[in-house]
């Protein structure tokens, strides 16, 4: 698989010729709706086995081999050259496919309203082969230990068809918001906890295909940290006995005592000891109510992951990843208009429609562009593309993490799933 960035004057036919493939295969892989109107700076994937590399000034066979995780002798043999022959700038080298490693992949699916839309089910079916878990979001715990019903029709069947299992998400959402007081009511009552755990098992058995119970308790009061840890110990004892894994969602912390209600009750070390794995919510640095910036800039993501590795083993960490970006109206005013979430495909459409050139921030590892709409309003868009997601996969592999968890289904990003297949053998449960 090759990542190619569109340059001025390039055509799909010429790109296909350069990589010994066809325009039709590139169109299909990237779901290009206007293949004759590519955007300068747009990253596409070329569906070939392995990849090609054009020699740059200062390259040696040894430096190229190190970059792609192979040996100079292997590259020399594959490309029919002498290992000691100096390389000419512009020479095209074939790079063999990278070695895959196993990883778990989760994606949250959030039904809106009282039913699961056919569109969501179709997308779940499309990406299902690349999933370990499909996570319906969410069963809302009530103060008496009951569960607020969640539209689930079609989701278990779709997961089974793809060989994926369900991650049953249980949250402290109440009236559309994470409620610290609801969390406190549950964590301070042994009787409520027992009822809640019984109801979780009953619902998991009813819908079938559930392998993991996932607690997403957010914005808990800081004084509930130990109570949450104790509840998780009880939940693990009970749910393991019923044959379920137990996982949690954790705020993106960089220190044990990080201040703020989102962080204080989430104890990385305790979760690392108690539950089977945790999803770290390593995104939303750029958010709808904040100033324009990347949603998951890689330096900040790595800072969270490096801290987590001091508190829990790598095989218990799933890196959180956004499937969306944001479109901000400028100038940004705190408390003013919220940015709109956009899929990578929608971002490309916006750039094409508004004749924008896509730029890439190599520090943040994120694409972005500016444009002016037909009302004369300026916009800034940060989003994800093949380059940014490959950078995240490289980080996952370097840190030997358990896997990746996406928020959420409904944002089209075809390159992501092709690159999942290129980088990983997805674990099925």
Protein backbone atom coordinates (compact mmCIF):
# COMPACT_ATOMS: atom_id res chain seq x y z
CA UNK A 1 0.00 0.00 0.00
CA UNK A 2 1.38 3.39 -1.03
CA UNK A 3 0.40 6.82 0.28
CA UNK A 4 0.61 9.44 -2.47
CA UNK A 5 0.13 13.19 -2.04
CA UNK A 6 -1.35 14.98 -5.05
CA UNK A 7 0.99 17.52 -6.65
CA UNK A 8 0.04 20.37 -9.03
CA UNK A 9 -0.73 19.14 -12.53
CA UNK A 10 -1.02 15.46 -11.64
CA UNK A 11 -3.77 13.29 -13.08
CA UNK A 12 -5.12 10.00 -11.83
CA UNK A 13 -4.04 8.30 -15.06
CA UNK A 14 -0.46 9.51 -14.65
CA UNK A 15 -0.37 8.49 -10.98
CA UNK A 16 -1.67 5.02 -11.86
CA UNK A 17 1.03 4.63 -14.51
CA UNK A 18 3.75 5.62 -12.02
CA UNK A 19 2.67 2.86 -9.65
CA UNK A 20 1.92 0.16 -12.23
CA UNK A 21 -1.78 0.04 -11.37
CA UNK A 22 -5.04 1.34 -12.81
CA UNK A 23 -7.02 4.52 -12.23
CA UNK A 24 -10.09 2.38 -11.54
CA UNK A 25 -8.41 0.64 -8.61
CA UNK A 26 -7.32 3.96 -7.11
CA UNK A 27 -10.83 5.40 -7.52
CA UNK A 28 -12.38 2.40 -5.80
CA UNK A 29 -9.87 2.32 -2.93
CA UNK A 30 -10.30 6.02 -2.11
CA UNK A 31 -14.00 6.27 -3.01
CA UNK A 32 -13.23 9.24 -5.25
CA UNK A 33 -16.47 10.85 -6.41
CA UNK A 34 -14.70 13.34 -8.71
CA UNK A 35 -11.54 11.54 -9.90
CA UNK A 36 -10.90 14.16 -12.56
CA UNK A 37 -10.78 16.94 -9.98
CA UNK A 38 -8.09 16.05 -7.44
CA UNK A 39 -7.06 18.48 -4.70
CA UNK A 40 -3.44 19.59 -4.42
CA UNK A 41 -2.16 18.23 -1.11
CA UNK A 42 -4.79 15.47 -0.96
CA UNK A 43 -3.41 12.15 0.34
CA UNK A 44 -4.65 9.03 -1.42
CA UNK A 45 -3.72 5.38 -1.03
CA UNK A 46 -2.48 3.34 -3.97
CA UNK A 47 -3.72 -0.27 -3.62
CA UNK A 48 -0.55 -2.12 -4.54
CA UNK A 49 1.44 -4.80 -2.75
CA UNK A 50 4.34 -3.06 -1.05
CA UNK A 51 5.25 0.46 -2.12
CA UNK A 52 7.66 2.50 -4.21
CA UNK A 53 10.23 5.03 -3.03
CA UNK A 54 12.01 7.63 -5.14
CA UNK A 55 15.59 8.25 -3.97
CA UNK A 56 16.18 11.70 -2.44
CA UNK A 57 19.40 13.67 -2.03
CA UNK A 58 21.51 12.15 0.75
CA UNK A 59 19.75 8.76 0.74
CA UNK A 60 21.71 5.53 0.97
CA UNK A 61 20.39 2.02 0.57
CA UNK A 62 21.08 1.50 4.26
CA UNK A 63 19.15 4.60 5.38
CA UNK A 64 16.19 3.70 3.16
CA UNK A 65 16.19 0.13 4.45
CA UNK A 66 16.20 1.36 8.06
CA UNK A 67 13.32 3.73 7.33
CA UNK A 68 11.15 0.92 5.97
CA UNK A 69 12.13 -1.78 8.46
CA UNK A 70 14.04 -4.04 6.08
CA UNK A 71 17.68 -4.71 5.17
CA UNK A 72 19.90 -3.10 2.55
CA UNK A 73 20.75 -6.52 1.11
CA UNK A 74 17.05 -7.35 0.77
CA UNK A 75 16.33 -4.06 -1.02
CA UNK A 76 19.32 -4.57 -3.30
CA UNK A 77 18.23 -8.08 -4.24
CA UNK A 78 14.59 -7.11 -4.86
CA UNK A 79 15.56 -4.13 -7.01
CA UNK A 80 18.39 -5.87 -8.88
CA UNK A 81 21.16 -3.51 -7.79
CA UNK A 82 24.50 -3.89 -6.04
CA UNK A 83 24.30 -3.15 -2.33
CA UNK A 84 27.42 -0.95 -2.54
CA UNK A 85 26.45 1.01 -5.66
CA UNK A 86 25.70 4.72 -4.94
CA UNK A 87 22.06 5.61 -5.58
CA UNK A 88 21.05 8.21 -8.16
CA UNK A 89 18.51 10.82 -7.05
CA UNK A 90 15.13 10.00 -8.60
CA UNK A 91 15.73 6.25 -8.85
CA UNK A 92 12.56 4.30 -8.07
CA UNK A 93 12.97 1.49 -5.55
CA UNK A 94 10.39 -1.16 -4.74
CA UNK A 95 9.78 -1.58 -1.00
CA UNK A 96 8.35 -4.96 0.09
CA UNK A 97 5.22 -5.06 2.30
CA UNK A 98 5.76 -4.30 5.96
CA UNK A 99 5.49 -7.07 8.50
CA UNK A 100 2.12 -7.04 10.22
CA UNK A 101 1.52 -7.35 13.94
CA UNK A 102 -1.65 -8.29 15.79
CA UNK A 103 -3.89 -5.55 17.18
CA UNK A 104 -7.38 -5.11 18.53
CA UNK A 105 -9.62 -2.54 16.85
CA UNK A 106 -12.80 -1.04 18.29
CA UNK A 107 -15.27 1.49 16.98
CA UNK A 108 -18.15 3.09 18.86
CA UNK A 109 -21.53 3.14 17.14
CA UNK A 110 -24.05 5.70 18.42
CA UNK A 111 -27.67 5.22 17.32
CA UNK A 112 -29.60 8.50 17.16
CA UNK A 113 -33.23 8.42 18.23
CA UNK A 114 -35.21 5.23 18.79
CA UNK A 115 -33.82 3.14 15.94
CA UNK A 116 -30.53 2.16 14.36
CA UNK A 117 -30.34 3.69 10.89
CA UNK A 118 -29.71 1.48 7.89
CA UNK A 119 -26.87 3.82 6.95
CA UNK A 120 -25.06 3.07 10.22
CA UNK A 121 -25.62 -0.67 9.81
CA UNK A 122 -24.31 -0.56 6.24
CA UNK A 123 -21.17 1.24 7.36
CA UNK A 124 -20.70 -1.20 10.25
CA UNK A 125 -21.00 -4.04 7.76
CA UNK A 126 -18.41 -2.42 5.50
CA UNK A 127 -15.77 -1.91 8.21
CA UNK A 128 -16.66 -5.01 10.24
CA UNK A 129 -13.85 -7.18 8.81
CA UNK A 130 -11.36 -4.71 10.34
CA UNK A 131 -12.94 -4.78 13.82
CA UNK A 132 -12.40 -6.76 16.98
CA UNK A 133 -15.24 -4.94 18.73
CA UNK A 134 -18.30 -2.93 17.75
CA UNK A 135 -19.32 -0.78 20.72
CA UNK A 136 -22.96 0.44 20.93
CA UNK A 137 -22.92 3.75 22.79
CA UNK A 138 -24.33 3.68 25.35
CA UNK A 139 -26.39 1.94 28.00
CA UNK A 140 -27.04 4.68 30.56
CA UNK A 141 -26.94 3.48 34.16
CA UNK A 142 -29.78 4.80 36.31
CA UNK A 143 -29.70 5.70 39.99
CA UNK A 144 -31.56 2.51 40.92
CA UNK A 145 -29.15 0.26 38.99
CA UNK A 146 -31.40 -0.26 35.97
CA UNK A 147 -30.24 0.46 32.42
CA UNK A 148 -31.83 2.97 30.08
CA UNK A 149 -32.80 1.00 26.93
CA UNK A 150 -30.57 1.47 23.88
CA UNK A 151 -31.64 0.91 20.26
CA UNK A 152 -29.68 -2.19 19.28
CA UNK A 153 -31.67 -3.79 16.45
CA UNK A 154 -29.38 -5.13 13.75
CA UNK A 155 -26.11 -4.34 15.53
CA UNK A 156 -25.45 -7.82 17.05
CA UNK A 157 -26.26 -9.51 13.74
CA UNK A 158 -23.98 -7.13 11.83
CA UNK A 159 -21.14 -7.79 14.27
CA UNK A 160 -21.58 -11.55 13.99
CA UNK A 161 -21.55 -11.42 10.19
CA UNK A 162 -18.16 -9.68 10.32
CA UNK A 163 -16.68 -11.93 12.99
CA UNK A 164 -16.59 -9.04 15.47
CA UNK A 165 -17.93 -9.08 19.01
CA UNK A 166 -19.81 -6.41 20.92
CA UNK A 167 -18.30 -4.12 23.51
CA UNK A 168 -21.25 -3.21 25.73
CA UNK A 169 -20.74 0.41 26.82
CA UNK A 170 -22.22 1.41 30.19
CA UNK A 171 -22.05 5.13 30.99
CA UNK A 172 -23.04 7.69 33.61
CA UNK A 173 -24.85 9.82 31.05
CA UNK A 174 -28.00 11.48 32.35
CA UNK A 175 -30.14 13.89 30.35
CA UNK A 176 -27.52 13.99 27.63
CA UNK A 177 -24.59 14.88 29.91
CA UNK A 178 -22.06 12.88 31.92
CA UNK A 179 -23.26 13.22 35.50
CA UNK A 180 -20.85 13.19 38.41
CA UNK A 181 -23.74 13.01 40.85
CA UNK A 182 -25.22 9.98 39.09
CA UNK A 183 -21.79 8.39 39.32
CA UNK A 184 -21.60 9.19 43.02
CA UNK A 185 -25.04 7.67 43.65
CA UNK A 186 -23.93 4.41 42.03
CA UNK A 187 -20.48 4.29 43.60
CA UNK A 188 -21.78 4.94 47.12
CA UNK A 189 -24.41 2.18 47.12
CA UNK A 190 -23.44 -1.48 47.23
CA UNK A 191 -27.05 -2.46 46.61
CA UNK A 192 -27.29 -0.30 43.46
CA UNK A 193 -24.01 -1.72 42.17
CA UNK A 194 -25.24 -5.29 42.59
CA UNK A 195 -28.47 -4.52 40.72
CA UNK A 196 -26.51 -2.73 37.98
CA UNK A 197 -24.13 -5.64 37.43
CA UNK A 198 -27.02 -8.13 37.32
CA UNK A 199 -28.82 -5.97 34.75
CA UNK A 200 -25.66 -5.66 32.65
CA UNK A 201 -25.26 -9.44 32.47
CA UNK A 202 -28.96 -9.94 31.71
CA UNK A 203 -28.83 -7.47 28.81
CA UNK A 204 -25.53 -8.85 27.49
CA UNK A 205 -27.04 -12.34 27.43
CA UNK A 206 -30.19 -11.04 25.75
CA UNK A 207 -28.47 -9.32 22.83
CA UNK A 208 -25.69 -11.90 22.45
CA UNK A 209 -22.21 -11.58 20.92
CA UNK A 210 -20.95 -9.47 23.87
CA UNK A 211 -17.36 -10.22 24.88
CA UNK A 212 -16.50 -7.06 26.82
CA UNK A 213 -18.28 -4.79 29.31
CA UNK A 214 -16.94 -1.26 28.92
CA UNK A 215 -17.43 1.33 31.67
CA UNK A 216 -17.35 4.93 30.44
CA UNK A 217 -17.85 6.89 33.67
CA UNK A 218 -16.70 10.46 33.05
CA UNK A 219 -16.59 13.69 35.06
CA UNK A 220 -16.77 11.83 38.36
CA UNK A 221 -15.97 13.94 41.44
CA UNK A 222 -12.32 13.61 42.42
CA UNK A 223 -13.26 12.26 45.84
CA UNK A 224 -14.84 9.24 44.09
CA UNK A 225 -11.54 7.91 42.72
CA UNK A 226 -11.18 5.12 45.27
CA UNK A 227 -14.89 4.32 45.17
CA UNK A 228 -14.64 3.91 41.38
CA UNK A 229 -11.61 1.64 41.77
CA UNK A 230 -13.48 -0.47 44.33
CA UNK A 231 -16.52 -0.74 42.06
CA UNK A 232 -14.31 -1.90 39.19
CA UNK A 233 -12.79 -4.60 41.39
CA UNK A 234 -16.27 -5.83 42.23
CA UNK A 235 -17.33 -5.62 38.56
CA UNK A 236 -14.29 -7.59 37.39
CA UNK A 237 -14.84 -10.33 39.97
CA UNK A 238 -18.49 -10.68 38.97
CA UNK A 239 -18.21 -10.21 35.20
CA UNK A 240 -15.15 -12.43 34.78
CA UNK A 241 -17.16 -15.12 36.52
CA UNK A 242 -19.84 -14.65 33.86
CA UNK A 243 -17.29 -14.95 31.05
CA UNK A 244 -16.88 -11.26 30.10
CA UNK A 245 -13.83 -9.06 29.73
CA UNK A 246 -13.98 -5.68 31.48
CA UNK A 247 -12.58 -2.43 30.09
CA UNK A 248 -12.77 1.28 30.84
CA UNK A 249 -12.57 4.61 29.03
CA UNK A 250 -10.05 7.04 30.52
CA UNK A 251 -9.48 10.76 30.12
CA UNK A 252 -6.13 11.67 28.48
CA UNK A 253 -3.91 12.32 31.50
CA UNK A 254 -0.23 13.23 31.59
CA UNK A 255 0.29 12.88 35.36
CA UNK A 256 -1.28 11.02 38.26
CA UNK A 257 -2.58 14.11 40.03
CA UNK A 258 -3.72 16.08 36.98
CA UNK A 259 -6.33 18.59 38.08
CA UNK A 260 -9.79 18.89 36.56
CA UNK A 261 -13.04 16.99 36.98
CA UNK A 262 -12.51 14.99 33.78
CA UNK A 263 -9.23 13.61 35.14
CA UNK A 264 -9.19 13.33 38.91
CA UNK A 265 -11.24 10.16 39.45
CA UNK A 266 -9.44 8.24 36.69
CA UNK A 267 -6.59 6.30 38.30
CA UNK A 268 -4.38 4.91 35.54
CA UNK A 269 -2.37 2.66 37.83
CA UNK A 270 -5.44 1.13 39.46
CA UNK A 271 -7.20 0.57 36.13
CA UNK A 272 -4.03 -1.03 34.79
CA UNK A 273 -4.11 -3.47 37.69
CA UNK A 274 -7.86 -4.12 37.80
CA UNK A 275 -9.40 -4.23 34.32
CA UNK A 276 -8.45 -6.15 31.19
CA UNK A 277 -7.70 -3.01 29.18
CA UNK A 278 -8.47 0.69 28.92
CA UNK A 279 -9.29 3.02 26.04
CA UNK A 280 -7.40 6.31 26.43
CA UNK A 281 -9.38 9.18 24.90
CA UNK A 282 -6.40 10.69 23.10
CA UNK A 283 -8.31 13.25 21.05
CA UNK A 284 -10.27 16.51 21.36
CA UNK A 285 -7.33 18.86 21.83
CA UNK A 286 -8.99 20.62 18.95
CA UNK A 287 -12.69 20.62 19.85
CA UNK A 288 -15.89 22.23 18.64
CA UNK A 289 -15.92 24.98 21.28
CA UNK A 290 -12.20 25.73 21.22
CA UNK A 291 -9.79 27.48 18.85
CA UNK A 292 -8.72 25.83 15.58
CA UNK A 293 -6.07 23.14 16.04
CA UNK A 294 -5.59 19.44 15.27
CA UNK A 295 -8.01 17.13 17.06
CA UNK A 296 -5.28 14.63 17.98
CA UNK A 297 -1.82 16.17 17.44
CA UNK A 298 0.72 13.40 17.74
CA UNK A 299 3.06 15.05 20.30
CA UNK A 300 0.18 15.43 22.76
CA UNK A 301 -1.09 11.92 22.01
CA UNK A 302 2.34 10.45 22.65
CA UNK A 303 2.74 12.42 25.88
CA UNK A 304 -0.43 10.77 27.24
CA UNK A 305 0.64 7.33 26.06
CA UNK A 306 4.13 7.68 27.52
CA UNK A 307 2.65 8.62 30.89
CA UNK A 308 0.19 5.71 30.68
CA UNK A 309 3.07 3.31 30.08
CA UNK A 310 4.53 4.30 33.45
CA UNK A 311 1.28 3.19 35.12
CA UNK A 312 -0.03 0.22 33.10
CA UNK A 313 1.33 -2.39 30.69
CA UNK A 314 1.25 -1.68 26.95
CA UNK A 315 -0.95 -4.70 26.30
CA UNK A 316 -3.71 -3.04 28.32
CA UNK A 317 -3.69 0.25 26.39
CA UNK A 318 -5.93 1.03 23.43
CA UNK A 319 -5.17 4.39 21.84
CA UNK A 320 -8.26 6.48 21.19
CA UNK A 321 -8.57 7.98 17.71
CA UNK A 322 -11.00 10.43 16.14
CA UNK A 323 -12.48 9.66 12.72
CA UNK A 324 -13.46 13.30 12.24
CA UNK A 325 -12.06 16.79 12.03
CA UNK A 326 -13.59 20.22 12.57
CA UNK A 327 -14.51 23.15 10.34
CA UNK A 328 -14.12 26.44 12.24
CA UNK A 329 -15.56 29.78 11.15
CA UNK A 330 -13.02 32.57 11.60
CA UNK A 331 -12.24 34.65 13.48
CA UNK A 332 -12.64 32.27 16.41
CA UNK A 333 -14.50 33.82 19.35
CA UNK A 334 -14.61 31.94 22.66
CA UNK A 335 -18.24 31.16 23.41
CA UNK A 336 -19.25 31.99 19.85
CA UNK A 337 -20.13 29.72 16.94
CA UNK A 338 -19.15 26.09 17.44
CA UNK A 339 -17.05 24.29 14.85
CA UNK A 340 -18.81 21.63 12.77
CA UNK A 341 -17.52 18.06 12.73
CA UNK A 342 -16.48 16.84 9.27
CA UNK A 343 -15.38 13.47 7.96
CA UNK A 344 -12.11 13.20 6.02
CA UNK A 345 -14.14 12.68 2.83
CA UNK A 346 -16.23 15.78 3.54
CA UNK A 347 -13.06 17.80 4.25
CA UNK A 348 -11.67 16.86 0.82
CA UNK A 349 -14.98 17.86 -0.77
CA UNK A 350 -14.83 21.26 0.97
CA UNK A 351 -11.26 21.83 -0.22
CA UNK A 352 -12.17 20.88 -3.79
CA UNK A 353 -15.33 23.01 -3.89
CA UNK A 354 -13.49 26.05 -2.54
CA UNK A 355 -10.26 25.61 -4.55
CA UNK A 356 -8.20 25.21 -1.39
CA UNK A 357 -4.73 23.67 -1.24
CA UNK A 358 -4.29 21.14 1.56
CA UNK A 359 -1.21 21.68 3.72
CA UNK A 360 0.35 19.28 6.22
CA UNK A 361 1.71 20.04 9.68
CA UNK A 362 4.60 17.62 10.15
CA UNK A 363 4.94 18.39 13.85
CA UNK A 364 1.29 17.66 14.65
CA UNK A 365 1.08 15.10 11.83
CA UNK A 366 -2.22 16.55 10.63
CA UNK A 367 -3.59 18.02 7.37
CA UNK A 368 -5.36 21.38 7.25
CA UNK A 369 -6.55 24.11 4.89
CA UNK A 370 -8.22 27.51 4.78
CA UNK A 371 -11.03 28.72 2.55
CA UNK A 372 -13.58 31.51 2.18
CA UNK A 373 -17.21 30.45 1.69
CA UNK A 374 -19.75 32.00 -0.69
CA UNK A 375 -20.87 34.39 2.07
CA UNK A 376 -17.35 35.75 2.43
CA UNK A 377 -16.70 33.99 5.76
CA UNK A 378 -13.23 32.58 6.39
CA UNK A 379 -12.84 28.98 7.58
CA UNK A 380 -10.12 26.75 8.99
CA UNK A 381 -10.36 22.97 8.67
CA UNK A 382 -8.23 20.42 10.52
CA UNK A 383 -8.91 16.77 9.71
CA UNK A 384 -7.35 13.31 9.30
CA UNK A 385 -5.87 11.67 6.22
CA UNK A 386 -3.80 8.65 5.23
CA UNK A 387 -0.57 10.31 6.40
CA UNK A 388 -1.89 11.29 9.82
CA UNK A 389 -3.43 7.89 10.54
CA UNK A 390 -0.30 6.05 9.38
CA UNK A 391 1.68 8.20 11.83
CA UNK A 392 -0.66 6.98 14.60
CA UNK A 393 -0.22 3.36 13.51
CA UNK A 394 3.55 3.81 13.57
CA UNK A 395 3.26 5.16 17.13
CA UNK A 396 1.07 2.22 18.16
CA UNK A 397 3.61 -0.23 16.81
CA UNK A 398 6.59 1.55 18.33
CA UNK A 399 4.95 1.53 21.77
CA UNK A 400 3.59 -2.02 21.27
CA UNK A 401 0.06 -1.03 22.32
CA UNK A 402 -2.89 -3.42 22.48
CA UNK A 403 -4.80 -1.60 19.75
CA UNK A 404 -6.87 1.37 18.67
CA UNK A 405 -10.41 2.56 19.45
CA UNK A 406 -12.30 4.93 17.13
CA UNK A 407 -14.87 7.58 17.92
CA UNK A 408 -17.10 7.05 16.00
CA UNK A 409 -18.90 5.28 13.15
CA UNK A 410 -20.54 7.63 10.66
CA UNK A 411 -17.49 9.58 9.45
CA UNK A 412 -16.31 8.23 6.11
CA UNK A 413 -12.56 7.55 5.97
CA UNK A 414 -11.88 4.71 3.50
CA UNK A 415 -8.09 5.09 3.60
CA UNK A 416 -8.07 4.35 7.33
CA UNK A 417 -9.51 0.87 6.91
CA UNK A 418 -7.22 -0.04 4.02
CA UNK A 419 -4.24 1.00 6.12
CA UNK A 420 -5.54 -1.00 9.10
CA UNK A 421 -5.44 -4.05 6.85
CA UNK A 422 -1.97 -3.13 5.61
CA UNK A 423 -0.50 -2.66 9.10
CA UNK A 424 -2.25 -5.17 11.34
CA UNK A 425 -3.68 -8.63 11.70
CA UNK A 426 -6.93 -7.69 13.45
CA UNK A 427 -7.69 -9.89 16.45
CA UNK A 428 -11.13 -11.50 16.42
CA UNK A 429 -12.87 -12.69 19.59
